[in-house]
Amino acid sequence: TLLSMLKDGKFDLGLLGGGSNIDPGESSVILKPGDSRNYSLLTDSKWYDLAAKGASLTNLDDRKKAYDEYQQALVEDQPYIWLYHQNSLWAHSKRLSNVPMNDFVWFNFASWKWKVSK
């Protein structure tokens, strides 16, 4: 299959689709050496280490600084070229209840379970 050929390094370029949530650390698995989702076969852990640093922090200002460094390294080195990511805007009304907020963009939030008050 095409994916197995990518994993075996039989292509110079591949085009894949995917997505993640709004947390920058979510994209780091595709940059982690040895991870099955690392289709670029990257062996330098530089980018993954930068993202892991951001994920390990709890202070928002510290996280922003770490993720800014991660994003700058991605721009400078371009181990991947992201072509497109759909912008998502989430809103919540006090009239709605029983809305599960999951951390991945492809979930449908179980809309059949929602309750709407008047």
PDB file of N, CA and C in Angstrom:
ATOM      1  N   THR A   1       0.842  -1.189   0.000  1.00  0.00           N
ATOM      2  CA  THR A   1       0.000   0.000   0.000  1.00  0.00           C
ATOM      3  C   THR A   1       0.879   1.242   0.000  1.00  0.00           C
ATOM      4  N   LEU A   2       0.266   2.364  -0.281  1.00  0.00           N
ATOM      5  CA  LEU A   2       1.023   3.613  -0.303  1.00  0.00           C
ATOM      6  C   LEU A   2       1.604   3.950   1.063  1.00  0.00           C
ATOM      7  N   LEU A   3       0.842   3.718   2.130  1.00  0.00           N
ATOM      8  CA  LEU A   3       1.355   4.022   3.472  1.00  0.00           C
ATOM      9  C   LEU A   3       2.560   3.155   3.822  1.00  0.00           C
ATOM     10  N   SER A   4       2.507   1.891   3.478  1.00  0.00           N
ATOM     11  CA  SER A   4       3.652   1.030   3.789  1.00  0.00           C
ATOM     12  C   SER A   4       4.869   1.432   2.959  1.00  0.00           C
ATOM     13  N   MET A   5       4.645   1.897   1.732  1.00  0.00           N
ATOM     14  CA  MET A   5       5.761   2.371   0.915  1.00  0.00           C
ATOM     15  C   MET A   5       6.363   3.640   1.512  1.00  0.00           C
ATOM     16  N   LEU A   6       5.520   4.520   2.059  1.00  0.00           N
ATOM     17  CA  LEU A   6       6.035   5.710   2.746  1.00  0.00           C
ATOM     18  C   LEU A   6       6.863   5.307   3.958  1.00  0.00           C
ATOM     19  N   LYS A   7       6.331   4.376   4.748  1.00  0.00           N
ATOM     20  CA  LYS A   7       7.041   3.930   5.951  1.00  0.00           C
ATOM     21  C   LYS A   7       8.368   3.253   5.613  1.00  0.00           C
ATOM     22  N   ASP A   8       8.436   2.632   4.440  1.00  0.00           N
ATOM     23  CA  ASP A   8       9.666   1.969   4.013  1.00  0.00           C
ATOM     24  C   ASP A   8      10.639   2.932   3.332  1.00  0.00           C
ATOM     25  N   GLY A   9      10.254   4.202   3.204  1.00  0.00           N
ATOM     26  CA  GLY A   9      11.133   5.196   2.603  1.00  0.00           C
ATOM     27  C   GLY A   9      11.267   5.080   1.100  1.00  0.00           C
ATOM     28  N   LYS A  10      10.252   4.552   0.426  1.00  0.00           N
ATOM     29  CA  LYS A  10      10.323   4.350  -1.017  1.00  0.00           C
ATOM     30  C   LYS A  10       9.832   5.554  -1.822  1.00  0.00           C
ATOM     31  N   PHE A  11       9.512   6.651  -1.148  1.00  0.00           N
ATOM     32  CA  PHE A  11       9.083   7.877  -1.809  1.00  0.00           C
ATOM     33  C   PHE A  11       9.886   9.049  -1.282  1.00  0.00           C
ATOM     34  N   ASP A  12      10.098  10.041  -2.127  1.00  0.00           N
ATOM     35  CA  ASP A  12      10.731  11.282  -1.689  1.00  0.00           C
ATOM     36  C   ASP A  12       9.697  12.260  -1.149  1.00  0.00           C
ATOM     37  N   LEU A  13       8.443  12.076  -1.543  1.00  0.00           N
ATOM     38  CA  LEU A  13       7.385  13.004  -1.155  1.00  0.00           C
ATOM     39  C   LEU A  13       6.083  12.238  -1.005  1.00  0.00           C
ATOM     40  N   GLY A  14       5.324  12.577   0.012  1.00  0.00           N
ATOM     41  CA  GLY A  14       4.021  11.964   0.214  1.00  0.00           C
ATOM     42  C   GLY A  14       3.013  13.022   0.597  1.00  0.00           C
ATOM     43  N   LEU A  15       1.757  12.783   0.290  1.00  0.00           N
ATOM     44  CA  LEU A  15       0.682  13.702   0.644  1.00  0.00           C
ATOM     45  C   LEU A  15      -0.317  12.937   1.497  1.00  0.00           C
ATOM     46  N   LEU A  16      -0.494  13.388   2.733  1.00  0.00           N
ATOM     47  CA  LEU A  16      -1.392  12.724   3.669  1.00  0.00           C
ATOM     48  C   LEU A  16      -2.401  13.720   4.211  1.00  0.00           C
ATOM     49  N   GLY A  17      -3.542  13.236   4.611  1.00  0.00           N
ATOM     50  CA  GLY A  17      -4.541  14.073   5.262  1.00  0.00           C
ATOM     51  C   GLY A  17      -4.628  13.719   6.731  1.00  0.00           C
ATOM     52  N   GLY A  18      -5.021  14.672   7.523  1.00  0.00           N
ATOM     53  CA  GLY A  18      -5.160  14.434   8.955  1.00  0.00           C
ATOM     54  C   GLY A  18      -5.629  15.697   9.636  1.00  0.00           C
ATOM     55  N   GLY A  19      -5.636  15.675  10.917  1.00  0.00           N
ATOM     56  CA  GLY A  19      -6.050  16.854  11.660  1.00  0.00           C
ATOM     57  C   GLY A  19      -5.796  16.671  13.134  1.00  0.00           C
ATOM     58  N   SER A  20      -5.891  17.748  13.841  1.00  0.00           N
ATOM     59  CA  SER A  20      -5.699  17.712  15.284  1.00  0.00           C
ATOM     60  C   SER A  20      -6.521  18.819  15.907  1.00  0.00           C
ATOM     61  N   ASN A  21      -6.455  18.895  17.213  1.00  0.00           N
ATOM     62  CA  ASN A  21      -7.216  19.946  17.873  1.00  0.00           C
ATOM     63  C   ASN A  21      -6.399  21.227  17.946  1.00  0.00           C
ATOM     64  N   ILE A  22      -6.837  22.173  18.759  1.00  0.00           N
ATOM     65  CA  ILE A  22      -6.185  23.480  18.793  1.00  0.00           C
ATOM     66  C   ILE A  22      -4.913  23.508  19.628  1.00  0.00           C
ATOM     67  N   ASP A  23      -4.588  22.444  20.328  1.00  0.00           N
ATOM     68  CA  ASP A  23      -3.364  22.394  21.127  1.00  0.00           C
ATOM     69  C   ASP A  23      -2.184  22.065  20.208  1.00  0.00           C
ATOM     70  N   PRO A  24      -1.165  22.940  20.147  1.00  0.00           N
ATOM     71  CA  PRO A  24      -0.034  22.695  19.239  1.00  0.00           C
ATOM     72  C   PRO A  24       0.690  21.373  19.493  1.00  0.00           C
ATOM     73  N   GLY A  25       0.677  20.889  20.717  1.00  0.00           N
ATOM     74  CA  GLY A  25       1.364  19.644  21.020  1.00  0.00           C
ATOM     75  C   GLY A  25       0.747  18.432  20.360  1.00  0.00           C
ATOM     76  N   GLU A  26      -0.491  18.567  19.926  1.00  0.00           N
ATOM     77  CA  GLU A  26      -1.208  17.457  19.296  1.00  0.00           C
ATOM     78  C   GLU A  26      -0.511  16.990  18.017  1.00  0.00           C
ATOM     79  N   SER A  27       0.162  17.902  17.327  1.00  0.00           N
ATOM     80  CA  SER A  27       0.809  17.545  16.062  1.00  0.00           C
ATOM     81  C   SER A  27       2.173  16.888  16.248  1.00  0.00           C
ATOM     82  N   SER A  28       2.672  16.851  17.457  1.00  0.00           N
ATOM     83  CA  SER A  28       4.054  16.411  17.674  1.00  0.00           C
ATOM     84  C   SER A  28       4.297  14.935  17.378  1.00  0.00           C
ATOM     85  N   VAL A  29       3.279  14.094  17.447  1.00  0.00           N
ATOM     86  CA  VAL A  29       3.501  12.652  17.238  1.00  0.00           C
ATOM     87  C   VAL A  29       4.013  12.341  15.837  1.00  0.00           C
ATOM     88  N   ILE A  30       3.658  13.164  14.856  1.00  0.00           N
ATOM     89  CA  ILE A  30       4.131  12.898  13.492  1.00  0.00           C
ATOM     90  C   ILE A  30       5.593  13.288  13.310  1.00  0.00           C
ATOM     91  N   LEU A  31       6.171  13.913  14.343  1.00  0.00           N
ATOM     92  CA  LEU A  31       7.575  14.328  14.297  1.00  0.00           C
ATOM     93  C   LEU A  31       8.457  13.491  15.214  1.00  0.00           C
ATOM     94  N   LYS A  32       7.860  12.548  15.927  1.00  0.00           N
ATOM     95  CA  LYS A  32       8.593  11.774  16.930  1.00  0.00           C
ATOM     96  C   LYS A  32       9.344  10.614  16.277  1.00  0.00           C
ATOM     97  N   PRO A  33      10.672  10.606  16.401  1.00  0.00           N
ATOM     98  CA  PRO A  33      11.441   9.492  15.840  1.00  0.00           C
ATOM     99  C   PRO A  33      10.954   8.143  16.383  1.00  0.00           C
ATOM    100  N   GLY A  34      10.751   7.198  15.473  1.00  0.00           N
ATOM    101  CA  GLY A  34      10.317   5.864  15.860  1.00  0.00           C
ATOM    102  C   GLY A  34       8.814   5.692  15.965  1.00  0.00           C
ATOM    103  N   ASP A  35       8.044   6.776  15.938  1.00  0.00           N
ATOM    104  CA  ASP A  35       6.587   6.667  16.029  1.00  0.00           C
ATOM    105  C   ASP A  35       6.031   6.170  14.696  1.00  0.00           C
ATOM    106  N   SER A  36       5.004   5.339  14.756  1.00  0.00           N
ATOM    107  CA  SER A  36       4.439   4.768  13.528  1.00  0.00           C
ATOM    108  C   SER A  36       3.802   5.828  12.635  1.00  0.00           C
ATOM    109  N   ARG A  37       3.500   7.006  13.178  1.00  0.00           N
ATOM    110  CA  ARG A  37       2.898   8.085  12.382  1.00  0.00           C
ATOM    111  C   ARG A  37       3.945   9.047  11.818  1.00  0.00           C
ATOM    112  N   ASN A  38       5.214   8.768  12.017  1.00  0.00           N
ATOM    113  CA  ASN A  38       6.309   9.598  11.517  1.00  0.00           C
ATOM    114  C   ASN A  38       6.635   9.161  10.085  1.00  0.00           C
ATOM    115  N   TYR A  39       5.779   9.552   9.140  1.00  0.00           N
ATOM    116  CA  TYR A  39       5.944   9.125   7.748  1.00  0.00           C
ATOM    117  C   TYR A  39       7.129   9.793   7.065  1.00  0.00           C
ATOM    118  N   SER A  40       7.627  10.897   7.618  1.00  0.00           N
ATOM    119  CA  SER A  40       8.815  11.538   7.050  1.00  0.00           C
ATOM    120  C   SER A  40      10.093  10.831   7.474  1.00  0.00           C
ATOM    121  N   LEU A  41       9.956   9.865   8.366  1.00  0.00           N
ATOM    122  CA  LEU A  41      11.092   9.097   8.868  1.00  0.00           C
ATOM    123  C   LEU A  41      12.145   9.999   9.511  1.00  0.00           C
ATOM    124  N   LEU A  42      11.686  11.046  10.183  1.00  0.00           N
ATOM    125  CA  LEU A  42      12.592  11.959  10.873  1.00  0.00           C
ATOM    126  C   LEU A  42      13.335  11.220  11.970  1.00  0.00           C
ATOM    127  N   THR A  43      14.617  11.474  12.079  1.00  0.00           N
ATOM    128  CA  THR A  43      15.413  10.853  13.135  1.00  0.00           C
ATOM    129  C   THR A  43      15.876  11.863  14.175  1.00  0.00           C
ATOM    130  N   ASP A  44      15.790  13.141  13.862  1.00  0.00           N
ATOM    131  CA  ASP A  44      16.154  14.205  14.801  1.00  0.00           C
ATOM    132  C   ASP A  44      14.943  14.496  15.685  1.00  0.00           C
ATOM    133  N   SER A  45      15.114  14.422  16.989  1.00  0.00           N
ATOM    134  CA  SER A  45      13.990  14.632  17.909  1.00  0.00           C
ATOM    135  C   SER A  45      13.779  16.106  18.260  1.00  0.00           C
ATOM    136  N   LYS A  46      14.496  17.002  17.606  1.00  0.00           N
ATOM    137  CA  LYS A  46      14.435  18.438  17.915  1.00  0.00           C
ATOM    138  C   LYS A  46      13.002  18.961  18.005  1.00  0.00           C
ATOM    139  N   TRP A  47      12.195  18.716  16.979  1.00  0.00           N
ATOM    140  CA  TRP A  47      10.845  19.281  16.926  1.00  0.00           C
ATOM    141  C   TRP A  47       9.944  18.615  17.957  1.00  0.00           C
ATOM    142  N   TYR A  48      10.049  17.311  18.084  1.00  0.00           N
ATOM    143  CA  TYR A  48       9.242  16.610  19.091  1.00  0.00           C
ATOM    144  C   TYR A  48       9.609  17.081  20.493  1.00  0.00           C
ATOM    145  N   ASP A  49      10.881  17.247  20.758  1.00  0.00           N
ATOM    146  CA  ASP A  49      11.325  17.693  22.086  1.00  0.00           C
ATOM    147  C   ASP A  49      10.789  19.084  22.413  1.00  0.00           C
ATOM    148  N   LEU A  50      10.771  19.977  21.420  1.00  0.00           N
ATOM    149  CA  LEU A  50      10.227  21.320  21.641  1.00  0.00           C
ATOM    150  C   LEU A  50       8.739  21.259  21.979  1.00  0.00           C
ATOM    151  N   ALA A  51       7.989  20.430  21.253  1.00  0.00           N
ATOM    152  CA  ALA A  51       6.556  20.294  21.525  1.00  0.00           C
ATOM    153  C   ALA A  51       6.315  19.631  22.874  1.00  0.00           C
ATOM    154  N   ALA A  52       7.112  18.633  23.210  1.00  0.00           N
ATOM    155  CA  ALA A  52       6.962  17.946  24.502  1.00  0.00           C
ATOM    156  C   ALA A  52       7.230  18.903  25.657  1.00  0.00           C
ATOM    157  N   LYS A  53       8.169  19.817  25.458  1.00  0.00           N
ATOM    158  CA  LYS A  53       8.434  20.824  26.487  1.00  0.00           C
ATOM    159  C   LYS A  53       7.178  21.660  26.727  1.00  0.00           C
ATOM    160  N   GLY A  54       6.540  22.118  25.663  1.00  0.00           N
ATOM    161  CA  GLY A  54       5.310  22.895  25.799  1.00  0.00           C
ATOM    162  C   GLY A  54       4.208  22.107  26.482  1.00  0.00           C
ATOM    163  N   ALA A  55       4.079  20.839  26.128  1.00  0.00           N
ATOM    164  CA  ALA A  55       3.033  20.000  26.718  1.00  0.00           C
ATOM    165  C   ALA A  55       3.269  19.741  28.197  1.00  0.00           C
ATOM    166  N   SER A  56       4.515  19.825  28.633  1.00  0.00           N
ATOM    167  CA  SER A  56       4.834  19.537  30.036  1.00  0.00           C
ATOM    168  C   SER A  56       4.568  20.721  30.965  1.00  0.00           C
ATOM    169  N   LEU A  57       4.336  21.887  30.390  1.00  0.00           N
ATOM    170  CA  LEU A  57       4.170  23.098  31.197  1.00  0.00           C
ATOM    171  C   LEU A  57       2.706  23.343  31.537  1.00  0.00           C
ATOM    172  N   THR A  58       2.457  23.963  32.675  1.00  0.00           N
ATOM    173  CA  THR A  58       1.080  24.255  33.086  1.00  0.00           C
ATOM    174  C   THR A  58       0.745  25.739  33.027  1.00  0.00           C
ATOM    175  N   ASN A  59       1.744  26.596  33.088  1.00  0.00           N
ATOM    176  CA  ASN A  59       1.511  28.036  33.019  1.00  0.00           C
ATOM    177  C   ASN A  59       1.290  28.437  31.555  1.00  0.00           C
ATOM    178  N   LEU A  60       0.191  29.146  31.271  1.00  0.00           N
ATOM    179  CA  LEU A  60      -0.148  29.477  29.885  1.00  0.00           C
ATOM    180  C   LEU A  60       0.918  30.330  29.202  1.00  0.00           C
ATOM    181  N   ASP A  61       1.502  31.283  29.912  1.00  0.00           N
ATOM    182  CA  ASP A  61       2.550  32.117  29.315  1.00  0.00           C
ATOM    183  C   ASP A  61       3.787  31.289  28.974  1.00  0.00           C
ATOM    184  N   ASP A  62       4.141  30.367  29.857  1.00  0.00           N
ATOM    185  CA  ASP A  62       5.285  29.486  29.598  1.00  0.00           C
ATOM    186  C   ASP A  62       5.002  28.554  28.422  1.00  0.00           C
ATOM    187  N   ARG A  63       3.766  28.023  28.370  1.00  0.00           N
ATOM    188  CA  ARG A  63       3.377  27.152  27.247  1.00  0.00           C
ATOM    189  C   ARG A  63       3.452  27.912  25.924  1.00  0.00           C
ATOM    190  N   LYS A  64       2.942  29.150  25.930  1.00  0.00           N
ATOM    191  CA  LYS A  64       2.971  29.953  24.703  1.00  0.00           C
ATOM    192  C   LYS A  64       4.406  30.161  24.232  1.00  0.00           C
ATOM    193  N   LYS A  65       5.284  30.500  25.151  1.00  0.00           N
ATOM    194  CA  LYS A  65       6.689  30.724  24.792  1.00  0.00           C
ATOM    195  C   LYS A  65       7.303  29.448  24.195  1.00  0.00           C
ATOM    196  N   ALA A  66       7.044  28.311  24.821  1.00  0.00           N
ATOM    197  CA  ALA A  66       7.587  27.037  24.326  1.00  0.00           C
ATOM    198  C   ALA A  66       7.004  26.684  22.958  1.00  0.00           C
ATOM    199  N   TYR A  67       5.697  26.864  22.793  1.00  0.00           N
ATOM    200  CA  TYR A  67       5.071  26.540  21.508  1.00  0.00           C
ATOM    201  C   TYR A  67       5.450  27.538  20.416  1.00  0.00           C
ATOM    202  N   ASP A  68       5.718  28.790  20.785  1.00  0.00           N
ATOM    203  CA  ASP A  68       6.232  29.747  19.800  1.00  0.00           C
ATOM    204  C   ASP A  68       7.579  29.268  19.262  1.00  0.00           C
ATOM    205  N   GLU A  69       8.417  28.766  20.154  1.00  0.00           N
ATOM    206  CA  GLU A  69       9.727  28.237  19.755  1.00  0.00           C
ATOM    207  C   GLU A  69       9.557  27.012  18.847  1.00  0.00           C
ATOM    208  N   TYR A  70       8.619  26.143  19.196  1.00  0.00           N
ATOM    209  CA  TYR A  70       8.303  24.952  18.395  1.00  0.00           C
ATOM    210  C   TYR A  70       7.849  25.366  16.991  1.00  0.00           C
ATOM    211  N   GLN A  71       6.913  26.315  16.924  1.00  0.00           N
ATOM    212  CA  GLN A  71       6.394  26.748  15.629  1.00  0.00           C
ATOM    213  C   GLN A  71       7.471  27.435  14.791  1.00  0.00           C
ATOM    214  N   GLN A  72       8.331  28.212  15.435  1.00  0.00           N
ATOM    215  CA  GLN A  72       9.410  28.874  14.701  1.00  0.00           C
ATOM    216  C   GLN A  72      10.369  27.840  14.108  1.00  0.00           C
ATOM    217  N   ALA A  73      10.664  26.795  14.859  1.00  0.00           N
ATOM    218  CA  ALA A  73      11.535  25.727  14.344  1.00  0.00           C
ATOM    219  C   ALA A  73      10.876  25.014  13.161  1.00  0.00           C
ATOM    220  N   LEU A  74       9.557  24.825  13.212  1.00  0.00           N
ATOM    221  CA  LEU A  74       8.849  24.197  12.091  1.00  0.00           C
ATOM    222  C   LEU A  74       8.917  25.068  10.844  1.00  0.00           C
ATOM    223  N   VAL A  75       8.797  26.390  11.029  1.00  0.00           N
ATOM    224  CA  VAL A  75       8.863  27.313   9.893  1.00  0.00           C
ATOM    225  C   VAL A  75      10.269  27.322   9.291  1.00  0.00           C
ATOM    226  N   GLU A  76      11.274  27.373  10.147  1.00  0.00           N
ATOM    227  CA  GLU A  76      12.659  27.460   9.663  1.00  0.00           C
ATOM    228  C   GLU A  76      13.126  26.171   8.993  1.00  0.00           C
ATOM    229  N   ASP A  77      12.803  25.035   9.579  1.00  0.00           N
ATOM    230  CA  ASP A  77      13.330  23.755   9.101  1.00  0.00           C
ATOM    231  C   ASP A  77      12.401  23.030   8.134  1.00  0.00           C
ATOM    232  N   GLN A  78      11.120  23.255   8.231  1.00  0.00           N
ATOM    233  CA  GLN A  78      10.081  22.630   7.415  1.00  0.00           C
ATOM    234  C   GLN A  78      10.218  21.116   7.277  1.00  0.00           C
ATOM    235  N   PRO A  79      10.188  20.390   8.402  1.00  0.00           N
ATOM    236  CA  PRO A  79      10.199  18.935   8.304  1.00  0.00           C
ATOM    237  C   PRO A  79       8.891  18.410   7.703  1.00  0.00           C
ATOM    238  N   TYR A  80       7.859  19.201   7.795  1.00  0.00           N
ATOM    239  CA  TYR A  80       6.557  18.934   7.182  1.00  0.00           C
ATOM    240  C   TYR A  80       6.085  20.234   6.556  1.00  0.00           C
ATOM    241  N   ILE A  81       5.231  20.135   5.565  1.00  0.00           N
ATOM    242  CA  ILE A  81       4.592  21.323   5.006  1.00  0.00           C
ATOM    243  C   ILE A  81       3.089  21.114   5.137  1.00  0.00           C
ATOM    244  N   TRP A  82       2.480  21.877   6.035  1.00  0.00           N
ATOM    245  CA  TRP A  82       1.039  21.784   6.227  1.00  0.00           C
ATOM    246  C   TRP A  82       0.364  22.642   5.167  1.00  0.00           C
ATOM    247  N   LEU A  83      -0.553  22.057   4.427  1.00  0.00           N
ATOM    248  CA  LEU A  83      -1.207  22.774   3.341  1.00  0.00           C
ATOM    249  C   LEU A  83      -2.492  23.457   3.787  1.00  0.00           C
ATOM    250  N   TYR A  84      -3.214  22.830   4.705  1.00  0.00           N
ATOM    251  CA  TYR A  84      -4.528  23.358   5.055  1.00  0.00           C
ATOM    252  C   TYR A  84      -4.985  22.744   6.364  1.00  0.00           C
ATOM    253  N   HIS A  85      -5.668  23.522   7.156  1.00  0.00           N
ATOM    254  CA  HIS A  85      -6.349  23.008   8.344  1.00  0.00           C
ATOM    255  C   HIS A  85      -7.604  23.838   8.545  1.00  0.00           C
ATOM    256  N   GLN A  86      -8.724  23.169   8.635  1.00  0.00           N
ATOM    257  CA  GLN A  86      -9.996  23.868   8.796  1.00  0.00           C
ATOM    258  C   GLN A  86     -10.036  24.605  10.127  1.00  0.00           C
ATOM    259  N   ASN A  87     -10.437  25.868  10.083  1.00  0.00           N
ATOM    260  CA  ASN A  87     -10.618  26.624  11.316  1.00  0.00           C
ATOM    261  C   ASN A  87     -11.891  26.161  12.002  1.00  0.00           C
ATOM    262  N   SER A  88     -11.813  25.953  13.283  1.00  0.00           N
ATOM    263  CA  SER A  88     -12.976  25.539  14.059  1.00  0.00           C
ATOM    264  C   SER A  88     -13.265  26.593  15.111  1.00  0.00           C
ATOM    265  N   LEU A  89     -14.516  26.910  15.265  1.00  0.00           N
ATOM    266  CA  LEU A  89     -14.934  27.848  16.294  1.00  0.00           C
ATOM    267  C   LEU A  89     -15.997  27.151  17.125  1.00  0.00           C
ATOM    268  N   TRP A  90     -15.731  27.023  18.400  1.00  0.00           N
ATOM    269  CA  TRP A  90     -16.672  26.364  19.284  1.00  0.00           C
ATOM    270  C   TRP A  90     -17.376  27.409  20.120  1.00  0.00           C
ATOM    271  N   ALA A  91     -18.679  27.269  20.255  1.00  0.00           N
ATOM    272  CA  ALA A  91     -19.461  28.168  21.099  1.00  0.00           C
ATOM    273  C   ALA A  91     -20.375  27.315  21.963  1.00  0.00           C
ATOM    274  N   HIS A  92     -20.800  27.863  23.069  1.00  0.00           N
ATOM    275  CA  HIS A  92     -21.644  27.110  23.986  1.00  0.00           C
ATOM    276  C   HIS A  92     -22.678  28.052  24.577  1.00  0.00           C
ATOM    277  N   SER A  93     -23.904  27.650  24.577  1.00  0.00           N
ATOM    278  CA  SER A  93     -24.991  28.435  25.147  1.00  0.00           C
ATOM    279  C   SER A  93     -25.346  27.885  26.523  1.00  0.00           C
ATOM    280  N   LYS A  94     -25.713  28.765  27.432  1.00  0.00           N
ATOM    281  CA  LYS A  94     -26.159  28.328  28.760  1.00  0.00           C
ATOM    282  C   LYS A  94     -27.442  27.516  28.658  1.00  0.00           C
ATOM    283  N   ARG A  95     -28.153  27.629  27.550  1.00  0.00           N
ATOM    284  CA  ARG A  95     -29.384  26.855  27.346  1.00  0.00           C
ATOM    285  C   ARG A  95     -29.086  25.391  27.016  1.00  0.00           C
ATOM    286  N   LEU A  96     -27.883  25.100  26.609  1.00  0.00           N
ATOM    287  CA  LEU A  96     -27.515  23.728  26.266  1.00  0.00           C
ATOM    288  C   LEU A  96     -26.898  23.022  27.461  1.00  0.00           C
ATOM    289  N   SER A  97     -27.241  21.770  27.606  1.00  0.00           N
ATOM    290  CA  SER A  97     -26.608  20.946  28.632  1.00  0.00           C
ATOM    291  C   SER A  97     -26.345  19.567  28.044  1.00  0.00           C
ATOM    292  N   ASN A  98     -25.546  18.806  28.751  1.00  0.00           N
ATOM    293  CA  ASN A  98     -25.193  17.451  28.336  1.00  0.00           C
ATOM    294  C   ASN A  98     -24.422  17.438  27.005  1.00  0.00           C
ATOM    295  N   VAL A  99     -23.568  18.456  26.814  1.00  0.00           N
ATOM    296  CA  VAL A  99     -22.732  18.538  25.617  1.00  0.00           C
ATOM    297  C   VAL A  99     -21.324  18.092  25.997  1.00  0.00           C
ATOM    298  N   PRO A 100     -20.897  16.907  25.556  1.00  0.00           N
ATOM    299  CA  PRO A 100     -19.539  16.468  25.887  1.00  0.00           C
ATOM    300  C   PRO A 100     -18.523  17.260  25.072  1.00  0.00           C
ATOM    301  N   MET A 101     -17.522  17.793  25.731  1.00  0.00           N
ATOM    302  CA  MET A 101     -16.471  18.545  25.043  1.00  0.00           C
ATOM    303  C   MET A 101     -15.238  17.659  24.957  1.00  0.00           C
ATOM    304  N   ASN A 102     -15.045  17.061  23.814  1.00  0.00           N
ATOM    305  CA  ASN A 102     -13.903  16.181  23.593  1.00  0.00           C
ATOM    306  C   ASN A 102     -12.744  16.975  23.025  1.00  0.00           C
ATOM    307  N   ASP A 103     -11.577  16.366  23.013  1.00  0.00           N
ATOM    308  CA  ASP A 103     -10.383  17.092  22.593  1.00  0.00           C
ATOM    309  C   ASP A 103      -9.933  16.773  21.172  1.00  0.00           C
ATOM    310  N   PHE A 104     -10.822  16.330  20.327  1.00  0.00           N
ATOM    311  CA  PHE A 104     -10.432  16.047  18.954  1.00  0.00           C
ATOM    312  C   PHE A 104     -11.489  16.583  17.998  1.00  0.00           C
ATOM    313  N   VAL A 105     -11.058  17.220  16.920  1.00  0.00           N
ATOM    314  CA  VAL A 105     -11.961  17.960  16.050  1.00  0.00           C
ATOM    315  C   VAL A 105     -12.962  17.105  15.276  1.00  0.00           C
ATOM    316  N   TRP A 106     -12.731  15.812  15.145  1.00  0.00           N
ATOM    317  CA  TRP A 106     -13.630  15.015  14.319  1.00  0.00           C
ATOM    318  C   TRP A 106     -14.791  14.423  15.107  1.00  0.00           C
ATOM    319  N   PHE A 107     -14.828  14.616  16.402  1.00  0.00           N
ATOM    320  CA  PHE A 107     -15.956  14.109  17.183  1.00  0.00           C
ATOM    321  C   PHE A 107     -17.203  14.927  16.871  1.00  0.00           C
ATOM    322  N   ASN A 108     -18.370  14.318  16.987  1.00  0.00           N
ATOM    323  CA  ASN A 108     -19.614  15.026  16.681  1.00  0.00           C
ATOM    324  C   ASN A 108     -20.307  15.554  17.929  1.00  0.00           C
ATOM    325  N   PHE A 109     -19.681  15.433  19.077  1.00  0.00           N
ATOM    326  CA  PHE A 109     -20.197  15.962  20.339  1.00  0.00           C
ATOM    327  C   PHE A 109     -21.539  15.346  20.738  1.00  0.00           C
ATOM    328  N   ALA A 110     -21.862  14.165  20.253  1.00  0.00           N
ATOM    329  CA  ALA A 110     -23.068  13.421  20.643  1.00  0.00           C
ATOM    330  C   ALA A 110     -24.299  14.316  20.672  1.00  0.00           C
ATOM    331  N   SER A 111     -24.568  14.993  19.580  1.00  0.00           N
ATOM    332  CA  SER A 111     -25.662  15.974  19.526  1.00  0.00           C
ATOM    333  C   SER A 111     -27.024  15.362  19.854  1.00  0.00           C
ATOM    334  N   TRP A 112     -27.192  14.069  19.682  1.00  0.00           N
ATOM    335  CA  TRP A 112     -28.457  13.426  20.010  1.00  0.00           C
ATOM    336  C   TRP A 112     -28.709  13.375  21.514  1.00  0.00           C
ATOM    337  N   LYS A 113     -27.686  13.657  22.322  1.00  0.00           N
ATOM    338  CA  LYS A 113     -27.839  13.644  23.782  1.00  0.00           C
ATOM    339  C   LYS A 113     -28.055  15.040  24.371  1.00  0.00           C
ATOM    340  N   TRP A 114     -27.943  16.080  23.554  1.00  0.00           N
ATOM    341  CA  TRP A 114     -28.050  17.441  24.071  1.00  0.00           C
ATOM    342  C   TRP A 114     -29.435  17.713  24.645  1.00  0.00           C
ATOM    343  N   LYS A 115     -29.459  18.566  25.634  1.00  0.00           N
ATOM    344  CA  LYS A 115     -30.717  19.042  26.223  1.00  0.00           C
ATOM    345  C   LYS A 115     -30.761  20.556  26.028  1.00  0.00           C
ATOM    346  N   VAL A 116     -31.913  21.078  25.598  1.00  0.00           N
ATOM    347  CA  VAL A 116     -32.084  22.515  25.394  1.00  0.00           C
ATOM    348  C   VAL A 116     -33.157  23.007  26.347  1.00  0.00           C
ATOM    349  N   SER A 117     -32.789  23.977  27.168  1.00  0.00           N
ATOM    350  CA  SER A 117     -33.770  24.555  28.098  1.00  0.00           C
ATOM    351  C   SER A 117     -34.322  25.850  27.513  1.00  0.00           C
ATOM    352  N   LYS A 118     -35.464  26.267  28.037  1.00  0.00           N
ATOM    353  CA  LYS A 118     -36.107  27.498  27.535  1.00  0.00           C
ATOM    354  C   LYS A 118     -35.662  28.705  28.288  1.00  0.00           C
TER     355      LYS A 118
END
